[in-house]
């Protein structure tokens, strides 16, 4: 049976990043970075890219550029 791909919205990704940050605190970015490195090493480009996007969003959350739960505006 073939896997079905689901597309996440930017809002979904930020909510996921916010939940991940809340769950793992200061370690969240480190975990995401390690996932990027591991998936790249395994040749799993799509998975590495997903974790890279999550890592970028975790940086936005940590630097207070976005507020989880607030309306998101992409420019």
PDB file of N, CA and C in Angstrom:
ATOM      1  N   UNK A   1       0.847  -1.175   0.000  1.00  0.00           N
ATOM      2  CA  UNK A   1       0.000   0.000   0.000  1.00  0.00           C
ATOM      3  C   UNK A   1       0.890   1.235   0.000  1.00  0.00           C
ATOM      4  N   UNK A   2       0.651   2.154  -0.904  1.00  0.00           N
ATOM      5  CA  UNK A   2       1.462   3.366  -1.024  1.00  0.00           C
ATOM      6  C   UNK A   2       1.094   4.364   0.065  1.00  0.00           C
ATOM      7  N   UNK A   3       2.105   5.104   0.515  1.00  0.00           N
ATOM      8  CA  UNK A   3       1.875   6.128   1.534  1.00  0.00           C
ATOM      9  C   UNK A   3       1.177   7.324   0.904  1.00  0.00           C
ATOM     10  N   UNK A   4       0.259   7.911   1.645  1.00  0.00           N
ATOM     11  CA  UNK A   4      -0.437   9.103   1.202  1.00  0.00           C
ATOM     12  C   UNK A   4       0.227  10.310   1.848  1.00  0.00           C
ATOM     13  N   UNK A   5       0.542  11.326   1.029  1.00  0.00           N
ATOM     14  CA  UNK A   5       1.165  12.539   1.559  1.00  0.00           C
ATOM     15  C   UNK A   5       0.087  13.507   2.006  1.00  0.00           C
ATOM     16  N   UNK A   6       0.347  14.134   3.133  1.00  0.00           N
ATOM     17  CA  UNK A   6      -0.529  15.167   3.650  1.00  0.00           C
ATOM     18  C   UNK A   6       0.238  16.466   3.639  1.00  0.00           C
ATOM     19  N   UNK A   7      -0.387  17.526   3.165  1.00  0.00           N
ATOM     20  CA  UNK A   7       0.264  18.826   3.132  1.00  0.00           C
ATOM     21  C   UNK A   7      -0.149  19.630   4.353  1.00  0.00           C
ATOM     22  N   UNK A   8       0.840  20.138   5.064  1.00  0.00           N
ATOM     23  CA  UNK A   8       0.580  20.968   6.236  1.00  0.00           C
ATOM     24  C   UNK A   8       0.614  22.430   5.832  1.00  0.00           C
ATOM     25  N   UNK A   9      -0.252  23.218   6.445  1.00  0.00           N
ATOM     26  CA  UNK A   9      -0.220  24.654   6.213  1.00  0.00           C
ATOM     27  C   UNK A   9       0.892  25.267   7.057  1.00  0.00           C
ATOM     28  N   UNK A  10       1.216  26.516   6.780  1.00  0.00           N
ATOM     29  CA  UNK A  10       2.206  27.224   7.590  1.00  0.00           C
ATOM     30  C   UNK A  10       1.728  27.296   9.037  1.00  0.00           C
ATOM     31  N   UNK A  11       0.459  27.538   9.222  1.00  0.00           N
ATOM     32  CA  UNK A  11      -0.107  27.574  10.572  1.00  0.00           C
ATOM     33  C   UNK A  11       0.040  26.238  11.287  1.00  0.00           C
ATOM     34  N   UNK A  12      -0.183  25.141  10.560  1.00  0.00           N
ATOM     35  CA  UNK A  12       0.004  23.800  11.139  1.00  0.00           C
ATOM     36  C   UNK A  12       1.446  23.602  11.587  1.00  0.00           C
ATOM     37  N   UNK A  13       2.370  24.035  10.732  1.00  0.00           N
ATOM     38  CA  UNK A  13       3.794  23.879  11.055  1.00  0.00           C
ATOM     39  C   UNK A  13       4.191  24.701  12.280  1.00  0.00           C
ATOM     40  N   UNK A  14       3.713  25.947  12.367  1.00  0.00           N
ATOM     41  CA  UNK A  14       4.019  26.761  13.537  1.00  0.00           C
ATOM     42  C   UNK A  14       3.396  26.177  14.799  1.00  0.00           C
ATOM     43  N   UNK A  15       2.196  25.630  14.693  1.00  0.00           N
ATOM     44  CA  UNK A  15       1.561  25.001  15.861  1.00  0.00           C
ATOM     45  C   UNK A  15       2.375  23.786  16.301  1.00  0.00           C
ATOM     46  N   UNK A  16       2.833  22.995  15.329  1.00  0.00           N
ATOM     47  CA  UNK A  16       3.669  21.845  15.639  1.00  0.00           C
ATOM     48  C   UNK A  16       4.981  22.284  16.293  1.00  0.00           C
ATOM     49  N   UNK A  17       5.597  23.335  15.745  1.00  0.00           N
ATOM     50  CA  UNK A  17       6.837  23.853  16.319  1.00  0.00           C
ATOM     51  C   UNK A  17       6.604  24.372  17.737  1.00  0.00           C
ATOM     52  N   UNK A  18       5.496  25.065  17.945  1.00  0.00           N
ATOM     53  CA  UNK A  18       5.175  25.589  19.281  1.00  0.00           C
ATOM     54  C   UNK A  18       4.980  24.447  20.274  1.00  0.00           C
ATOM     55  N   UNK A  19       4.265  23.413  19.862  1.00  0.00           N
ATOM     56  CA  UNK A  19       4.063  22.253  20.734  1.00  0.00           C
ATOM     57  C   UNK A  19       5.391  21.564  21.040  1.00  0.00           C
ATOM     58  N   UNK A  20       6.238  21.447  20.012  1.00  0.00           N
ATOM     59  CA  UNK A  20       7.546  20.806  20.183  1.00  0.00           C
ATOM     60  C   UNK A  20       8.411  21.622  21.148  1.00  0.00           C
ATOM     61  N   UNK A  21       8.375  22.955  21.002  1.00  0.00           N
ATOM     62  CA  UNK A  21       9.140  23.840  21.885  1.00  0.00           C
ATOM     63  C   UNK A  21       8.631  23.741  23.323  1.00  0.00           C
ATOM     64  N   UNK A  22       7.320  23.695  23.473  1.00  0.00           N
ATOM     65  CA  UNK A  22       6.739  23.583  24.811  1.00  0.00           C
ATOM     66  C   UNK A  22       7.117  22.256  25.465  1.00  0.00           C
ATOM     67  N   UNK A  23       7.089  21.203  24.670  1.00  0.00           N
ATOM     68  CA  UNK A  23       7.400  19.858  25.185  1.00  0.00           C
ATOM     69  C   UNK A  23       8.874  19.702  25.558  1.00  0.00           C
ATOM     70  N   UNK A  24       9.782  20.249  24.722  1.00  0.00           N
ATOM     71  CA  UNK A  24      11.208  19.980  24.900  1.00  0.00           C
ATOM     72  C   UNK A  24      12.027  21.172  25.386  1.00  0.00           C
ATOM     73  N   UNK A  25      11.391  22.327  25.521  1.00  0.00           N
ATOM     74  CA  UNK A  25      12.070  23.505  26.076  1.00  0.00           C
ATOM     75  C   UNK A  25      13.309  23.893  25.293  1.00  0.00           C
ATOM     76  N   UNK A  26      14.376  24.200  26.022  1.00  0.00           N
ATOM     77  CA  UNK A  26      15.620  24.659  25.413  1.00  0.00           C
ATOM     78  C   UNK A  26      16.278  23.619  24.499  1.00  0.00           C
ATOM     79  N   UNK A  27      15.904  22.365  24.641  1.00  0.00           N
ATOM     80  CA  UNK A  27      16.501  21.305  23.827  1.00  0.00           C
ATOM     81  C   UNK A  27      15.827  21.135  22.464  1.00  0.00           C
ATOM     82  N   UNK A  28      14.691  21.783  22.238  1.00  0.00           N
ATOM     83  CA  UNK A  28      13.915  21.561  21.018  1.00  0.00           C
ATOM     84  C   UNK A  28      14.726  21.828  19.752  1.00  0.00           C
ATOM     85  N   UNK A  29      15.427  22.954  19.691  1.00  0.00           N
ATOM     86  CA  UNK A  29      16.202  23.277  18.490  1.00  0.00           C
ATOM     87  C   UNK A  29      17.336  22.278  18.280  1.00  0.00           C
ATOM     88  N   UNK A  30      17.961  21.843  19.359  1.00  0.00           N
ATOM     89  CA  UNK A  30      19.030  20.855  19.239  1.00  0.00           C
ATOM     90  C   UNK A  30      18.494  19.541  18.686  1.00  0.00           C
ATOM     91  N   UNK A  31      17.335  19.109  19.167  1.00  0.00           N
ATOM     92  CA  UNK A  31      16.735  17.874  18.666  1.00  0.00           C
ATOM     93  C   UNK A  31      16.394  17.995  17.181  1.00  0.00           C
ATOM     94  N   UNK A  32      15.824  19.131  16.798  1.00  0.00           N
ATOM     95  CA  UNK A  32      15.465  19.337  15.396  1.00  0.00           C
ATOM     96  C   UNK A  32      16.714  19.367  14.519  1.00  0.00           C
ATOM     97  N   UNK A  33      17.762  20.037  14.984  1.00  0.00           N
ATOM     98  CA  UNK A  33      19.015  20.098  14.230  1.00  0.00           C
ATOM     99  C   UNK A  33      19.595  18.694  14.031  1.00  0.00           C
ATOM    100  N   UNK A  34      19.595  17.902  15.091  1.00  0.00           N
ATOM    101  CA  UNK A  34      20.108  16.531  14.982  1.00  0.00           C
ATOM    102  C   UNK A  34      19.279  15.698  14.009  1.00  0.00           C
ATOM    103  N   UNK A  35      17.969  15.920  14.003  1.00  0.00           N
ATOM    104  CA  UNK A  35      17.104  15.196  13.058  1.00  0.00           C
ATOM    105  C   UNK A  35      17.461  15.568  11.620  1.00  0.00           C
ATOM    106  N   UNK A  36      17.716  16.857  11.365  1.00  0.00           N
ATOM    107  CA  UNK A  36      18.121  17.290  10.025  1.00  0.00           C
ATOM    108  C   UNK A  36      19.382  16.551   9.602  1.00  0.00           C
ATOM    109  N   UNK A  37      20.391  16.569  10.454  1.00  0.00           N
ATOM    110  CA  UNK A  37      21.682  15.938  10.142  1.00  0.00           C
ATOM    111  C   UNK A  37      21.511  14.432   9.904  1.00  0.00           C
ATOM    112  N   UNK A  38      20.769  13.776  10.783  1.00  0.00           N
ATOM    113  CA  UNK A  38      20.588  12.322  10.660  1.00  0.00           C
ATOM    114  C   UNK A  38      19.832  11.948   9.384  1.00  0.00           C
ATOM    115  N   UNK A  39      18.746  12.651   9.096  1.00  0.00           N
ATOM    116  CA  UNK A  39      17.975  12.314   7.901  1.00  0.00           C
ATOM    117  C   UNK A  39      18.749  12.632   6.624  1.00  0.00           C
ATOM    118  N   UNK A  40      19.527  13.715   6.635  1.00  0.00           N
ATOM    119  CA  UNK A  40      20.372  13.996   5.462  1.00  0.00           C
ATOM    120  C   UNK A  40      21.388  12.880   5.259  1.00  0.00           C
ATOM    121  N   UNK A  41      21.998  12.426   6.335  1.00  0.00           N
ATOM    122  CA  UNK A  41      23.003  11.360   6.254  1.00  0.00           C
ATOM    123  C   UNK A  41      22.389  10.058   5.738  1.00  0.00           C
ATOM    124  N   UNK A  42      21.120   9.842   6.040  1.00  0.00           N
ATOM    125  CA  UNK A  42      20.427   8.628   5.594  1.00  0.00           C
ATOM    126  C   UNK A  42      19.824   8.780   4.201  1.00  0.00           C
ATOM    127  N   UNK A  43      20.018   9.956   3.579  1.00  0.00           N
ATOM    128  CA  UNK A  43      19.465  10.188   2.247  1.00  0.00           C
ATOM    129  C   UNK A  43      17.972  10.454   2.240  1.00  0.00           C
ATOM    130  N   UNK A  44      17.433  10.827   3.371  1.00  0.00           N
ATOM    131  CA  UNK A  44      16.000  11.109   3.504  1.00  0.00           C
ATOM    132  C   UNK A  44      15.768  12.609   3.387  1.00  0.00           C
ATOM    133  N   UNK A  45      15.898  13.128   2.173  1.00  0.00           N
ATOM    134  CA  UNK A  45      15.819  14.564   1.933  1.00  0.00           C
ATOM    135  C   UNK A  45      14.514  15.209   2.350  1.00  0.00           C
ATOM    136  N   UNK A  46      13.383  14.558   2.075  1.00  0.00           N
ATOM    137  CA  UNK A  46      12.089  15.136   2.447  1.00  0.00           C
ATOM    138  C   UNK A  46      11.958  15.254   3.963  1.00  0.00           C
ATOM    139  N   UNK A  47      12.388  14.234   4.667  1.00  0.00           N
ATOM    140  CA  UNK A  47      12.313  14.271   6.126  1.00  0.00           C
ATOM    141  C   UNK A  47      13.277  15.308   6.695  1.00  0.00           C
ATOM    142  N   UNK A  48      14.463  15.389   6.131  1.00  0.00           N
ATOM    143  CA  UNK A  48      15.432  16.393   6.575  1.00  0.00           C
ATOM    144  C   UNK A  48      14.874  17.790   6.362  1.00  0.00           C
ATOM    145  N   UNK A  49      14.223  18.029   5.223  1.00  0.00           N
ATOM    146  CA  UNK A  49      13.656  19.339   4.921  1.00  0.00           C
ATOM    147  C   UNK A  49      12.544  19.698   5.896  1.00  0.00           C
ATOM    148  N   UNK A  50      11.704  18.730   6.236  1.00  0.00           N
ATOM    149  CA  UNK A  50      10.646  18.960   7.225  1.00  0.00           C
ATOM    150  C   UNK A  50      11.246  19.431   8.541  1.00  0.00           C
ATOM    151  N   UNK A  51      12.272  18.738   9.026  1.00  0.00           N
ATOM    152  CA  UNK A  51      12.902  19.109  10.294  1.00  0.00           C
ATOM    153  C   UNK A  51      13.641  20.435  10.185  1.00  0.00           C
ATOM    154  N   UNK A  52      14.185  20.743   9.001  1.00  0.00           N
ATOM    155  CA  UNK A  52      14.826  22.037   8.798  1.00  0.00           C
ATOM    156  C   UNK A  52      13.799  23.160   8.935  1.00  0.00           C
ATOM    157  N   UNK A  53      12.631  22.999   8.317  1.00  0.00           N
ATOM    158  CA  UNK A  53      11.579  23.998   8.441  1.00  0.00           C
ATOM    159  C   UNK A  53      11.145  24.155   9.895  1.00  0.00           C
ATOM    160  N   UNK A  54      11.018  23.040  10.583  1.00  0.00           N
ATOM    161  CA  UNK A  54      10.654  23.087  11.997  1.00  0.00           C
ATOM    162  C   UNK A  54      11.727  23.834  12.790  1.00  0.00           C
ATOM    163  N   UNK A  55      12.987  23.592  12.465  1.00  0.00           N
ATOM    164  CA  UNK A  55      14.102  24.270  13.136  1.00  0.00           C
ATOM    165  C   UNK A  55      14.028  25.779  12.925  1.00  0.00           C
ATOM    166  N   UNK A  56      13.739  26.217  11.711  1.00  0.00           N
ATOM    167  CA  UNK A  56      13.602  27.649  11.421  1.00  0.00           C
ATOM    168  C   UNK A  56      12.468  28.238  12.260  1.00  0.00           C
ATOM    169  N   UNK A  57      11.361  27.537  12.325  1.00  0.00           N
ATOM    170  CA  UNK A  57      10.213  28.038  13.078  1.00  0.00           C
ATOM    171  C   UNK A  57      10.494  28.054  14.575  1.00  0.00           C
ATOM    172  N   UNK A  58      11.246  27.089  15.053  1.00  0.00           N
ATOM    173  CA  UNK A  58      11.651  27.092  16.462  1.00  0.00           C
ATOM    174  C   UNK A  58      12.507  28.320  16.767  1.00  0.00           C
ATOM    175  N   UNK A  59      13.355  28.708  15.822  1.00  0.00           N
ATOM    176  CA  UNK A  59      14.151  29.921  15.978  1.00  0.00           C
ATOM    177  C   UNK A  59      13.274  31.159  16.052  1.00  0.00           C
ATOM    178  N   UNK A  60      12.224  31.208  15.215  1.00  0.00           N
ATOM    179  CA  UNK A  60      11.278  32.323  15.259  1.00  0.00           C
ATOM    180  C   UNK A  60      10.579  32.406  16.613  1.00  0.00           C
ATOM    181  N   UNK A  61      10.215  31.274  17.137  1.00  0.00           N
ATOM    182  CA  UNK A  61       9.535  31.229  18.437  1.00  0.00           C
ATOM    183  C   UNK A  61      10.497  31.664  19.540  1.00  0.00           C
ATOM    184  N   UNK A  62      11.715  31.134  19.541  1.00  0.00           N
ATOM    185  CA  UNK A  62      12.692  31.446  20.590  1.00  0.00           C
ATOM    186  C   UNK A  62      13.074  32.926  20.589  1.00  0.00           C
ATOM    187  N   UNK A  63      13.132  33.522  19.401  1.00  0.00           N
ATOM    188  CA  UNK A  63      13.517  34.941  19.307  1.00  0.00           C
ATOM    189  C   UNK A  63      12.314  35.874  19.410  1.00  0.00           C
ATOM    190  N   UNK A  64      11.136  35.296  19.669  1.00  0.00           N
ATOM    191  CA  UNK A  64       9.899  36.067  19.832  1.00  0.00           C
ATOM    192  C   UNK A  64       9.463  36.802  18.567  1.00  0.00           C
ATOM    193  N   UNK A  65       9.897  36.318  17.384  1.00  0.00           N
ATOM    194  CA  UNK A  65       9.429  36.909  16.127  1.00  0.00           C
ATOM    195  C   UNK A  65       7.990  36.509  15.838  1.00  0.00           C
ATOM    196  N   UNK A  66       7.572  35.382  16.405  1.00  0.00           N
ATOM    197  CA  UNK A  66       6.164  34.988  16.309  1.00  0.00           C
ATOM    198  C   UNK A  66       5.685  34.602  17.695  1.00  0.00           C
ATOM    199  N   UNK A  67       4.402  34.696  17.886  1.00  0.00           N
ATOM    200  CA  UNK A  67       3.769  34.277  19.127  1.00  0.00           C
ATOM    201  C   UNK A  67       2.883  33.082  18.811  1.00  0.00           C
ATOM    202  N   UNK A  68       3.205  31.909  19.345  1.00  0.00           N
ATOM    203  CA  UNK A  68       2.359  30.743  19.093  1.00  0.00           C
ATOM    204  C   UNK A  68       0.914  31.037  19.496  1.00  0.00           C
ATOM    205  N   UNK A  69       0.010  30.652  18.643  1.00  0.00           N
ATOM    206  CA  UNK A  69      -1.407  30.868  18.907  1.00  0.00           C
ATOM    207  C   UNK A  69      -1.956  32.154  18.310  1.00  0.00           C
ATOM    208  N   UNK A  70      -1.059  33.093  17.956  1.00  0.00           N
ATOM    209  CA  UNK A  70      -1.505  34.336  17.331  1.00  0.00           C
ATOM    210  C   UNK A  70      -1.671  34.108  15.831  1.00  0.00           C
ATOM    211  N   UNK A  71      -2.398  34.986  15.179  1.00  0.00           N
ATOM    212  CA  UNK A  71      -2.564  34.896  13.728  1.00  0.00           C
ATOM    213  C   UNK A  71      -1.213  35.090  13.072  1.00  0.00           C
ATOM    214  N   UNK A  72      -0.923  34.288  12.070  1.00  0.00           N
ATOM    215  CA  UNK A  72       0.367  34.324  11.382  1.00  0.00           C
ATOM    216  C   UNK A  72       0.224  35.078  10.063  1.00  0.00           C
ATOM    217  N   UNK A  73       1.149  35.987   9.827  1.00  0.00           N
ATOM    218  CA  UNK A  73       1.184  36.720   8.570  1.00  0.00           C
ATOM    219  C   UNK A  73       2.505  36.417   7.882  1.00  0.00           C
ATOM    220  N   UNK A  74       2.433  35.912   6.669  1.00  0.00           N
ATOM    221  CA  UNK A  74       3.637  35.615   5.890  1.00  0.00           C
ATOM    222  C   UNK A  74       3.783  36.705   4.854  1.00  0.00           C
ATOM    223  N   UNK A  75       4.947  37.346   4.819  1.00  0.00           N
ATOM    224  CA  UNK A  75       5.216  38.421   3.854  1.00  0.00           C
ATOM    225  C   UNK A  75       6.117  37.929   2.757  1.00  0.00           C
TER     226      UNK A  75
END
